Amino acid sequence: MAQPNAQHPGRHRVVVVGGGFGGLQAVKALRHAPVDITLIDRRNFHLFQPLVYQVATGALSPGEIAAPLRWIFRRQEDVSVLLADVTGFDLEAHEVVTAPVVDDTGPQRVPYDTLIVAGGSAYSYFGHDEWRDVAPEVKSLESALDVRRRILEAFEAAELEEDPARRAAWLTFVVVGAGPTGVEMAGQISELARDTLPRDFRVADPRQGRVLLVEQADRVLTAFPPKLSKRAERALERIGVTPMLRHLVTGVDEEGVTIEDEDGGETSRVPARTVIWAAGVQASGLAAALAEPTGAELDRTGRMTVNADLSLPGHPEVLALGDMVRVAGPDGAPITYPGVAPVAMQQGRYAARVVADRLRGRRSPPFHYLDKGNLATIGRAKAVADVRGLRLSGLLAWITWLAVHIFYLVGFQNRMLVVIRWAISFVTRGRGARLITHRDDRPL
């Protein structure tokens, strides 16, 4: 197979693994550099992950938060996109080993002069991977569509169920983890049940549903100041969410969850047919694949430690960034940055600067993260914001959240569509993407 982007023989070759926030910014920032770029991803689109939960609750459609990678870089002629799985790295030969996802043509080796790896992360089930099938996460577009199906099917099943106890189980939704994704997910499910669906059903009353938000810590949104966490907790309670703080999930199956109260040590069983996982993260397996030949240190979540310029120990031509790395600080101790989009974006742009500086014979300063703050939405006109020391809640924080997310969406069309969709939803309290999509195409 012909090598991607071989139109400039002898030119510096940059391979970027991952089309998420970090990889996307790295490629964009290299637009004026004299390099040929190959972007490798197993999917053909960039996903705006902070809004995935809105797809899972029918507020937005998949195409409104995703953009094809080839379309994004259609005007960057030095960029080639390769749809493939990365299966390994040959650091000595300076090659990335890939397997195609659309055709069984066998493995391919993609050579590089500089390699940028932005593999991201996945949710951790803390050693209970058997829970994945019954408690899906909302980190990918595919899982969001699966969660949307499960939520909507739960209301449909409740409409058909005659037994009150079983109907209550169908109308009980458990969200595990009270970080931004968990809080936003719980709030959206509650508003879906109380604002959008009541007139759609004749037997079951969606307003009778329960949304439980289970968190092991003593407050929601632990990355926020305690005062904002408390405001968020009160806002959740006002829209019908029950925060269960200092509680630990010890069992999950198709019939419900087992929850342990850390204060009293009491264990209770909650019948619930829909469980959504938003607790804990683990680094992409690409981190371990890079760490093994380089001797880089891995922490308990699988993050590898990189140098201050994001390079691998002993391999300055390999840069790694995002949720899969920790960065060596001035004293040599690793710094673990928050697993949020701004970190990956800043590191992606920094990695591009490192490449450009090296081509000019310059030395780059160590990476420094500029923390612009945190945002989390809770529900309709309800949010919290901690931006550069300015702490907001309620309507003003919600407007700030809207503006920031619209700004960072990729593509003018997506921005306009999302603005229109949100405006209609705000006025009508409706959700136009409440579609149940099945795994197969069996006729009715």
Protein backbone atom coordinates (compact mmCIF):
# COMPACT_ATOMS: atom_id res chain seq x y z
CA MET A 1 0.00 0.00 0.00
CA ALA A 2 1.26 3.48 -0.82
CA GLN A 3 2.38 5.49 2.14
CA PRO A 4 0.08 8.39 3.05
CA ASN A 5 1.24 11.87 2.20
CA ALA A 6 4.32 10.94 0.18
CA GLN A 7 4.07 13.91 -2.18
CA HIS A 8 7.12 15.66 -0.70
CA PRO A 9 10.00 13.15 -0.53
CA GLY A 10 12.61 14.17 2.01
CA ARG A 11 10.27 16.54 3.85
CA HIS A 12 9.89 16.25 7.63
CA ARG A 13 7.15 13.72 8.35
CA VAL A 14 4.86 14.22 11.34
CA VAL A 15 2.45 11.45 12.34
CA VAL A 16 -0.34 12.39 14.74
CA VAL A 17 -2.25 9.61 16.47
CA GLY A 18 -5.74 10.61 17.60
CA GLY A 19 -8.22 13.07 16.16
CA GLY A 20 -9.51 14.34 19.51
CA PHE A 21 -8.89 17.78 20.97
CA GLY A 22 -5.13 17.36 21.36
CA GLY A 23 -4.45 15.81 17.97
CA LEU A 24 -6.76 18.23 16.20
CA GLN A 25 -5.02 21.27 17.67
CA ALA A 26 -1.57 19.87 16.89
CA VAL A 27 -2.42 19.40 13.23
CA LYS A 28 -4.07 22.82 12.95
CA ALA A 29 -1.12 24.56 14.60
CA LEU A 30 1.28 22.97 12.09
CA ARG A 31 -0.54 24.44 9.09
CA HIS A 32 2.32 26.83 8.24
CA ALA A 33 5.19 24.48 9.13
CA PRO A 34 7.21 22.82 6.31
CA VAL A 35 6.02 19.32 7.22
CA ASP A 36 3.90 16.51 5.82
CA ILE A 37 1.30 15.30 8.33
CA THR A 38 -0.49 11.98 8.62
CA LEU A 39 -3.39 11.93 11.09
CA ILE A 40 -4.37 8.43 12.22
CA ASP A 41 -7.68 7.70 13.92
CA ARG A 42 -9.98 4.70 14.15
CA ARG A 43 -12.96 6.97 13.44
CA ASN A 44 -13.38 9.38 10.57
CA PHE A 45 -14.67 12.25 12.70
CA HIS A 46 -13.70 14.61 15.48
CA LEU A 47 -16.12 14.41 18.40
CA PHE A 48 -16.93 17.36 20.63
CA GLN A 49 -16.92 15.21 23.73
CA PRO A 50 -18.28 17.75 26.28
CA LEU A 51 -21.69 17.54 24.57
CA VAL A 52 -21.89 13.78 24.12
CA TYR A 53 -24.29 13.50 27.05
CA GLN A 54 -26.75 15.72 25.16
CA VAL A 55 -26.86 13.13 22.38
CA ALA A 56 -27.47 10.49 25.06
CA THR A 57 -30.53 12.40 26.29
CA GLY A 58 -31.98 13.36 22.91
CA ALA A 59 -31.16 17.06 23.11
CA LEU A 60 -28.78 16.99 20.12
CA SER A 61 -28.18 14.73 17.13
CA PRO A 62 -24.81 13.04 16.50
CA GLY A 63 -23.97 15.12 13.44
CA GLU A 64 -24.33 18.34 15.42
CA ILE A 65 -21.38 17.59 17.70
CA ALA A 66 -19.11 15.77 15.26
CA ALA A 67 -17.26 16.77 12.09
CA PRO A 68 -15.50 14.54 9.52
CA LEU A 69 -11.72 14.79 9.85
CA ARG A 70 -11.19 14.94 6.10
CA TRP A 71 -13.60 17.87 5.88
CA ILE A 72 -11.85 19.71 8.72
CA PHE A 73 -8.49 19.49 6.93
CA ARG A 74 -9.73 19.77 3.35
CA ARG A 75 -7.81 23.01 2.87
CA GLN A 76 -4.63 21.76 4.57
CA GLU A 77 -3.12 20.01 1.57
CA ASP A 78 -0.15 18.68 3.53
CA VAL A 79 -2.47 16.66 5.78
CA SER A 80 -3.51 13.08 5.02
CA VAL A 81 -6.06 11.22 7.14
CA LEU A 82 -5.61 7.49 7.69
CA LEU A 83 -8.59 5.53 9.04
CA ALA A 84 -6.89 2.79 11.04
CA ASP A 85 -6.27 1.28 14.45
CA VAL A 86 -2.83 1.80 15.95
CA THR A 87 -1.62 -1.61 17.08
CA GLY A 88 1.95 -0.80 18.06
CA PHE A 89 5.03 1.38 17.76
CA ASP A 90 8.46 0.52 16.41
CA LEU A 91 10.43 3.32 18.04
CA GLU A 92 13.77 2.17 16.70
CA ALA A 93 12.57 2.12 13.11
CA HIS A 94 10.47 5.29 13.63
CA GLU A 95 7.28 3.60 12.46
CA VAL A 96 3.70 3.33 13.65
CA VAL A 97 2.08 -0.06 13.12
CA THR A 98 -1.57 0.15 12.09
CA ALA A 99 -4.43 -2.12 11.07
CA PRO A 100 -7.13 -0.86 8.69
CA VAL A 101 -10.70 -0.67 10.00
CA VAL A 102 -12.55 -0.80 6.67
CA ASP A 103 -10.60 -3.37 4.65
CA ASP A 104 -8.64 -6.47 5.56
CA THR A 105 -5.44 -5.44 3.79
CA GLY A 106 -3.17 -6.42 6.63
CA PRO A 107 -0.95 -4.29 8.88
CA GLN A 108 0.67 -1.14 7.58
CA ARG A 109 3.74 0.70 8.84
CA VAL A 110 3.64 4.47 8.72
CA PRO A 111 7.10 6.11 9.00
CA TYR A 112 7.66 9.34 10.92
CA ASP A 113 10.32 11.83 11.82
CA THR A 114 8.22 13.20 14.66
CA LEU A 115 5.41 11.27 16.33
CA ILE A 116 2.64 12.97 18.34
CA VAL A 117 0.39 10.59 20.29
CA ALA A 118 -2.88 11.87 21.73
CA GLY A 119 -4.67 8.66 22.64
CA GLY A 120 -7.03 10.06 25.27
CA SER A 121 -8.65 7.98 27.99
CA ALA A 122 -11.62 5.78 28.83
CA TYR A 123 -13.75 5.32 31.91
CA SER A 124 -12.43 2.95 34.55
CA TYR A 125 -14.72 0.39 36.16
CA PHE A 126 -12.23 -0.16 38.98
CA GLY A 127 -11.58 -3.79 38.17
CA HIS A 128 -15.20 -4.64 37.38
CA ASP A 129 -15.14 -4.69 33.60
CA GLU A 130 -18.14 -7.03 33.69
CA TRP A 131 -20.23 -3.98 34.57
CA ARG A 132 -19.60 -2.36 31.17
CA ASP A 133 -22.44 -4.21 29.48
CA VAL A 134 -25.05 -3.17 32.04
CA ALA A 135 -23.65 0.27 33.00
CA PRO A 136 -22.46 1.94 29.77
CA GLU A 137 -20.43 5.14 29.74
CA VAL A 138 -21.03 8.29 27.71
CA LYS A 139 -17.57 9.07 26.40
CA SER A 140 -17.99 8.03 22.77
CA LEU A 141 -20.66 8.71 20.18
CA GLU A 142 -21.48 5.02 19.88
CA SER A 143 -21.99 4.66 23.63
CA ALA A 144 -24.09 7.84 23.73
CA LEU A 145 -26.48 6.37 21.17
CA ASP A 146 -26.63 3.16 23.20
CA VAL A 147 -27.42 5.12 26.37
CA ARG A 148 -30.09 7.14 24.53
CA ARG A 149 -31.72 3.90 23.44
CA ARG A 150 -31.63 2.50 26.97
CA ILE A 151 -33.13 5.64 28.53
CA LEU A 152 -35.96 5.94 26.03
CA GLU A 153 -36.69 2.21 26.10
CA ALA A 154 -36.96 2.42 29.88
CA PHE A 155 -39.86 4.87 29.58
CA GLU A 156 -41.46 2.70 26.90
CA ALA A 157 -41.14 -0.40 29.09
CA ALA A 158 -42.66 1.45 32.04
CA GLU A 159 -45.67 2.32 29.86
CA LEU A 160 -46.27 -1.38 29.20
CA GLU A 161 -45.48 -2.69 32.70
CA GLU A 162 -48.50 -3.45 34.90
CA ASP A 163 -46.64 -4.33 38.09
CA PRO A 164 -46.00 -1.13 40.12
CA ALA A 165 -42.67 -2.34 41.54
CA ARG A 166 -41.29 -3.33 38.16
CA ARG A 167 -42.54 -0.09 36.64
CA ALA A 168 -40.72 1.83 39.39
CA ALA A 169 -37.52 -0.05 38.53
CA TRP A 170 -37.85 0.96 34.89
CA LEU A 171 -38.32 4.58 35.99
CA THR A 172 -35.27 4.56 38.25
CA PHE A 173 -32.05 5.86 36.70
CA VAL A 174 -28.71 5.55 38.49
CA VAL A 175 -25.76 7.71 37.41
CA VAL A 176 -22.45 6.69 38.98
CA GLY A 177 -19.98 9.53 39.47
CA ALA A 178 -20.72 13.19 40.24
CA GLY A 179 -18.08 14.88 38.13
CA PRO A 180 -19.21 17.23 35.34
CA THR A 181 -20.39 14.40 33.07
CA GLY A 182 -22.33 12.67 35.84
CA VAL A 183 -23.94 15.88 37.06
CA GLU A 184 -24.87 16.98 33.55
CA MET A 185 -26.20 13.53 32.68
CA ALA A 186 -28.34 13.28 35.81
CA GLY A 187 -29.75 16.75 35.30
CA GLN A 188 -30.65 16.04 31.68
CA ILE A 189 -32.41 12.75 32.49
CA SER A 190 -34.43 14.46 35.21
CA GLU A 191 -35.49 17.29 32.92
CA LEU A 192 -36.32 14.79 30.18
CA ALA A 193 -38.65 12.97 32.58
CA ARG A 194 -40.24 16.06 34.13
CA ASP A 195 -40.37 18.57 31.29
CA THR A 196 -40.34 16.73 27.97
CA LEU A 197 -42.06 13.37 28.32
CA PRO A 198 -45.10 13.74 30.64
CA ARG A 199 -47.54 14.41 27.76
CA ASP A 200 -46.13 11.59 25.64
CA PHE A 201 -47.34 8.71 27.81
CA ARG A 202 -50.80 7.65 28.97
CA VAL A 203 -50.19 4.95 31.58
CA ALA A 204 -46.78 5.55 33.16
CA ASP A 205 -46.02 9.00 34.52
CA PRO A 206 -42.38 9.88 33.74
CA ARG A 207 -42.50 12.42 36.57
CA GLN A 208 -42.67 9.49 38.99
CA GLY A 209 -39.17 8.50 37.96
CA ARG A 210 -36.13 8.75 40.22
CA VAL A 211 -32.66 9.87 39.23
CA LEU A 212 -29.95 8.85 41.71
CA LEU A 213 -26.48 10.38 41.48
CA VAL A 214 -24.03 8.17 43.39
CA GLU A 215 -20.71 9.68 44.43
CA GLN A 216 -18.03 8.31 46.74
CA ALA A 217 -16.76 11.78 47.69
CA ASP A 218 -18.51 14.07 50.15
CA ARG A 219 -19.65 16.56 47.47
CA VAL A 220 -20.49 16.80 43.79
CA LEU A 221 -18.10 18.45 41.32
CA THR A 222 -15.03 18.07 43.51
CA ALA A 223 -12.91 20.06 41.03
CA PHE A 224 -14.97 23.15 41.89
CA PRO A 225 -14.78 25.25 45.06
CA PRO A 226 -16.94 23.79 47.87
CA LYS A 227 -19.38 26.69 47.73
CA LEU A 228 -20.14 26.06 44.06
CA SER A 229 -20.40 22.33 44.72
CA LYS A 230 -23.07 23.02 47.31
CA ARG A 231 -24.98 25.27 44.93
CA ALA A 232 -24.82 22.58 42.27
CA GLU A 233 -26.12 20.01 44.74
CA ARG A 234 -29.07 22.20 45.66
CA ALA A 235 -29.82 22.86 41.99
CA LEU A 236 -29.83 19.13 41.30
CA GLU A 237 -32.25 18.52 44.13
CA ARG A 238 -34.58 21.23 42.83
CA ILE A 239 -34.92 19.49 39.47
CA GLY A 240 -35.54 16.09 41.05
CA VAL A 241 -32.09 14.48 41.23
CA THR A 242 -31.14 12.71 44.46
CA PRO A 243 -27.40 13.05 45.19
CA MET A 244 -26.12 10.08 47.20
CA LEU A 245 -22.82 11.36 48.54
CA ARG A 246 -20.31 9.20 50.39
CA HIS A 247 -21.85 6.14 48.77
CA LEU A 248 -20.03 3.45 46.83
CA VAL A 249 -21.42 1.17 44.14
CA THR A 250 -20.39 -2.40 44.96
CA GLY A 251 -22.51 -4.30 42.47
CA VAL A 252 -24.26 -3.75 39.14
CA ASP A 253 -26.48 -6.12 37.16
CA GLU A 254 -29.44 -5.95 34.82
CA GLU A 255 -31.90 -5.66 37.70
CA GLY A 256 -30.25 -2.89 39.69
CA VAL A 257 -27.29 -1.72 41.77
CA THR A 258 -25.91 -2.47 45.20
CA ILE A 259 -24.83 0.65 47.07
CA GLU A 260 -22.81 0.88 50.27
CA ASP A 261 -23.07 3.82 52.64
CA GLU A 262 -19.52 4.71 53.65
CA ASP A 263 -20.67 6.54 56.78
CA GLY A 264 -22.61 3.69 58.34
CA GLY A 265 -21.34 0.79 56.30
CA GLU A 266 -24.92 -0.14 55.40
CA THR A 267 -25.56 -1.82 52.07
CA SER A 268 -28.77 -1.35 50.12
CA ARG A 269 -30.17 -2.75 46.91
CA VAL A 270 -31.75 -0.32 44.42
CA PRO A 271 -33.91 -1.86 41.68
CA ALA A 272 -33.01 0.06 38.53
CA ARG A 273 -32.98 -1.01 34.89
CA THR A 274 -30.84 1.86 33.64
CA VAL A 275 -27.37 2.52 35.07
CA ILE A 276 -24.93 5.00 33.51
CA TRP A 277 -21.25 5.08 34.39
CA ALA A 278 -19.38 8.38 34.76
CA ALA A 279 -16.81 7.58 37.45
CA GLY A 280 -13.05 7.38 37.14
CA VAL A 281 -10.84 7.31 34.06
CA GLN A 282 -7.96 5.23 32.79
CA ALA A 283 -5.43 6.18 30.15
CA SER A 284 -5.51 4.84 26.62
CA GLY A 285 -3.66 1.56 26.14
CA LEU A 286 -1.31 3.46 23.83
CA ALA A 287 0.36 4.89 26.94
CA ALA A 288 1.46 1.43 28.05
CA ALA A 289 2.54 0.58 24.50
CA LEU A 290 4.86 3.59 24.52
CA ALA A 291 6.02 3.19 28.10
CA GLU A 292 7.17 -0.41 27.75
CA PRO A 293 10.05 0.18 25.28
CA THR A 294 11.06 3.50 26.83
CA GLY A 295 10.87 2.64 30.51
CA ALA A 296 8.53 5.56 31.16
CA GLU A 297 6.73 5.39 34.49
CA LEU A 298 3.01 4.56 34.61
CA ASP A 299 0.68 5.63 37.41
CA ARG A 300 -2.23 3.58 38.72
CA THR A 301 -4.58 4.94 36.03
CA GLY A 302 -2.17 4.00 33.25
CA ARG A 303 -0.83 7.50 32.55
CA MET A 304 2.78 7.62 31.46
CA THR A 305 5.23 10.27 32.60
CA VAL A 306 6.76 12.43 29.87
CA ASN A 307 9.43 15.11 29.96
CA ALA A 308 8.65 18.79 30.44
CA ASP A 309 8.49 19.24 26.64
CA LEU A 310 6.03 16.28 26.37
CA SER A 311 8.72 14.03 24.85
CA LEU A 312 9.31 10.43 25.87
CA PRO A 313 12.41 9.62 27.94
CA GLY A 314 15.18 8.70 25.51
CA HIS A 315 13.03 9.46 22.47
CA PRO A 316 12.78 13.22 21.89
CA GLU A 317 11.16 12.59 18.50
CA VAL A 318 8.06 11.14 20.23
CA LEU A 319 5.63 13.50 21.97
CA ALA A 320 2.63 12.33 23.99
CA LEU A 321 -0.14 14.46 25.42
CA GLY A 322 -3.63 14.67 26.86
CA ASP A 323 -5.33 12.31 29.29
CA MET A 324 -2.72 9.59 28.74
CA VAL A 325 0.24 11.47 30.26
CA ARG A 326 1.66 13.16 33.32
CA VAL A 327 4.22 15.90 32.74
CA ALA A 328 7.49 16.23 34.63
CA GLY A 329 7.54 19.46 36.63
CA PRO A 330 10.49 21.76 37.39
CA ASP A 331 11.57 19.55 40.30
CA GLY A 332 11.16 16.37 38.28
CA ALA A 333 7.99 15.30 40.09
CA PRO A 334 5.17 14.41 37.67
CA ILE A 335 2.22 16.79 37.39
CA THR A 336 -1.19 15.27 36.69
CA TYR A 337 -3.33 17.79 34.86
CA PRO A 338 -7.14 17.59 34.83
CA GLY A 339 -8.57 15.30 32.18
CA VAL A 340 -10.40 18.09 30.38
CA ALA A 341 -10.40 19.39 26.82
CA PRO A 342 -8.45 22.63 27.51
CA VAL A 343 -5.43 20.65 28.74
CA ALA A 344 -5.33 18.51 25.59
CA MET A 345 -5.85 21.55 23.36
CA GLN A 346 -3.04 23.53 24.94
CA GLN A 347 -0.72 20.53 24.83
CA GLY A 348 -1.61 19.92 21.17
CA ARG A 349 -0.68 23.48 20.25
CA TYR A 350 2.48 23.22 22.37
CA ALA A 351 3.52 19.98 20.63
CA ALA A 352 3.19 21.74 17.27
CA ARG A 353 5.37 24.56 18.60
CA VAL A 354 8.01 22.03 19.67
CA VAL A 355 8.08 20.60 16.15
CA ALA A 356 8.34 24.05 14.56
CA ASP A 357 11.03 25.17 17.01
CA ARG A 358 13.15 22.10 16.33
CA LEU A 359 12.94 22.66 12.59
CA ARG A 360 14.26 26.20 13.18
CA GLY A 361 16.97 24.97 15.54
CA ARG A 362 15.33 26.55 18.58
CA ARG A 363 14.71 25.17 22.03
CA SER A 364 11.18 25.19 23.40
CA PRO A 365 10.37 26.25 26.98
CA PRO A 366 8.72 23.64 29.23
CA PHE A 367 5.00 23.12 28.86
CA HIS A 368 2.90 25.31 31.12
CA TYR A 369 -0.83 24.85 31.50
CA LEU A 370 -2.95 27.98 31.74
CA ASP A 371 -6.01 27.03 33.77
CA LYS A 372 -8.95 29.06 32.51
CA GLY A 373 -11.41 27.54 34.94
CA ASN A 374 -14.21 25.00 35.06
CA LEU A 375 -17.79 24.95 33.81
CA ALA A 376 -20.64 22.52 34.41
CA THR A 377 -24.29 22.74 33.49
CA ILE A 378 -26.96 21.22 35.69
CA GLY A 379 -30.16 21.90 33.81
CA ARG A 380 -32.31 24.54 32.23
CA ALA A 381 -30.75 27.94 33.10
CA LYS A 382 -28.74 26.23 35.85
CA ALA A 383 -24.95 25.91 35.86
CA VAL A 384 -21.83 26.66 37.87
CA ALA A 385 -18.68 28.37 36.63
CA ASP A 386 -15.27 28.96 38.18
CA VAL A 387 -13.48 31.16 35.65
CA ARG A 388 -10.25 32.90 36.63
CA GLY A 389 -11.42 33.34 40.21
CA LEU A 390 -14.87 34.52 39.13
CA ARG A 391 -17.39 32.13 40.66
CA LEU A 392 -20.84 32.11 39.12
CA SER A 393 -23.97 30.03 39.43
CA GLY A 394 -27.46 30.05 37.98
CA LEU A 395 -28.46 31.84 34.79
CA LEU A 396 -25.24 33.81 34.29
CA ALA A 397 -23.10 30.70 34.65
CA TRP A 398 -25.40 28.88 32.24
CA ILE A 399 -25.05 31.62 29.61
CA THR A 400 -21.28 31.46 30.06
CA TRP A 401 -21.38 27.69 29.59
CA LEU A 402 -23.44 28.08 26.41
CA ALA A 403 -21.09 30.68 24.93
CA VAL A 404 -17.92 28.69 25.64
CA HIS A 405 -19.26 25.46 24.18
CA ILE A 406 -20.59 27.14 21.06
CA PHE A 407 -17.23 28.86 20.56
CA TYR A 408 -15.24 25.62 20.70
CA LEU A 409 -17.55 23.56 18.49
CA VAL A 410 -15.88 22.67 15.19
CA GLY A 411 -17.60 24.10 12.11
CA PHE A 412 -19.85 27.11 11.57
CA GLN A 413 -22.75 24.89 10.51
CA ASN A 414 -22.60 22.87 13.73
CA ARG A 415 -22.52 26.05 15.78
CA MET A 416 -25.62 27.39 14.06
CA LEU A 417 -27.49 24.09 14.31
CA VAL A 418 -26.75 23.73 18.01
CA VAL A 419 -27.77 27.33 18.74
CA ILE A 420 -31.07 26.80 16.91
CA ARG A 421 -31.65 23.45 18.60
CA TRP A 422 -30.96 24.86 22.05
CA ALA A 423 -33.21 27.88 21.41
CA ILE A 424 -36.11 25.67 20.34
CA SER A 425 -35.58 23.34 23.29
CA PHE A 426 -35.48 26.26 25.72
CA VAL A 427 -38.77 27.66 24.44
CA THR A 428 -40.65 24.39 23.96
CA ARG A 429 -38.88 22.17 26.54
CA GLY A 430 -38.71 19.60 23.76
CA ARG A 431 -35.94 17.29 22.54
CA GLY A 432 -36.05 16.61 18.84
CA ALA A 433 -33.59 13.71 18.80
CA ARG A 434 -35.59 11.28 20.97
CA LEU A 435 -35.04 8.37 18.61
CA ILE A 436 -34.65 4.75 19.62
CA THR A 437 -32.12 3.18 17.27
CA HIS A 438 -31.76 -0.58 17.59
CA ARG A 439 -28.64 -2.63 17.10
CA ASP A 440 -30.12 -4.50 14.13
CA ASP A 441 -32.54 -3.96 11.28
CA ARG A 442 -35.12 -6.60 12.06
CA PRO A 443 -38.55 -5.70 10.59
CA LEU A 444 -41.38 -5.01 12.98
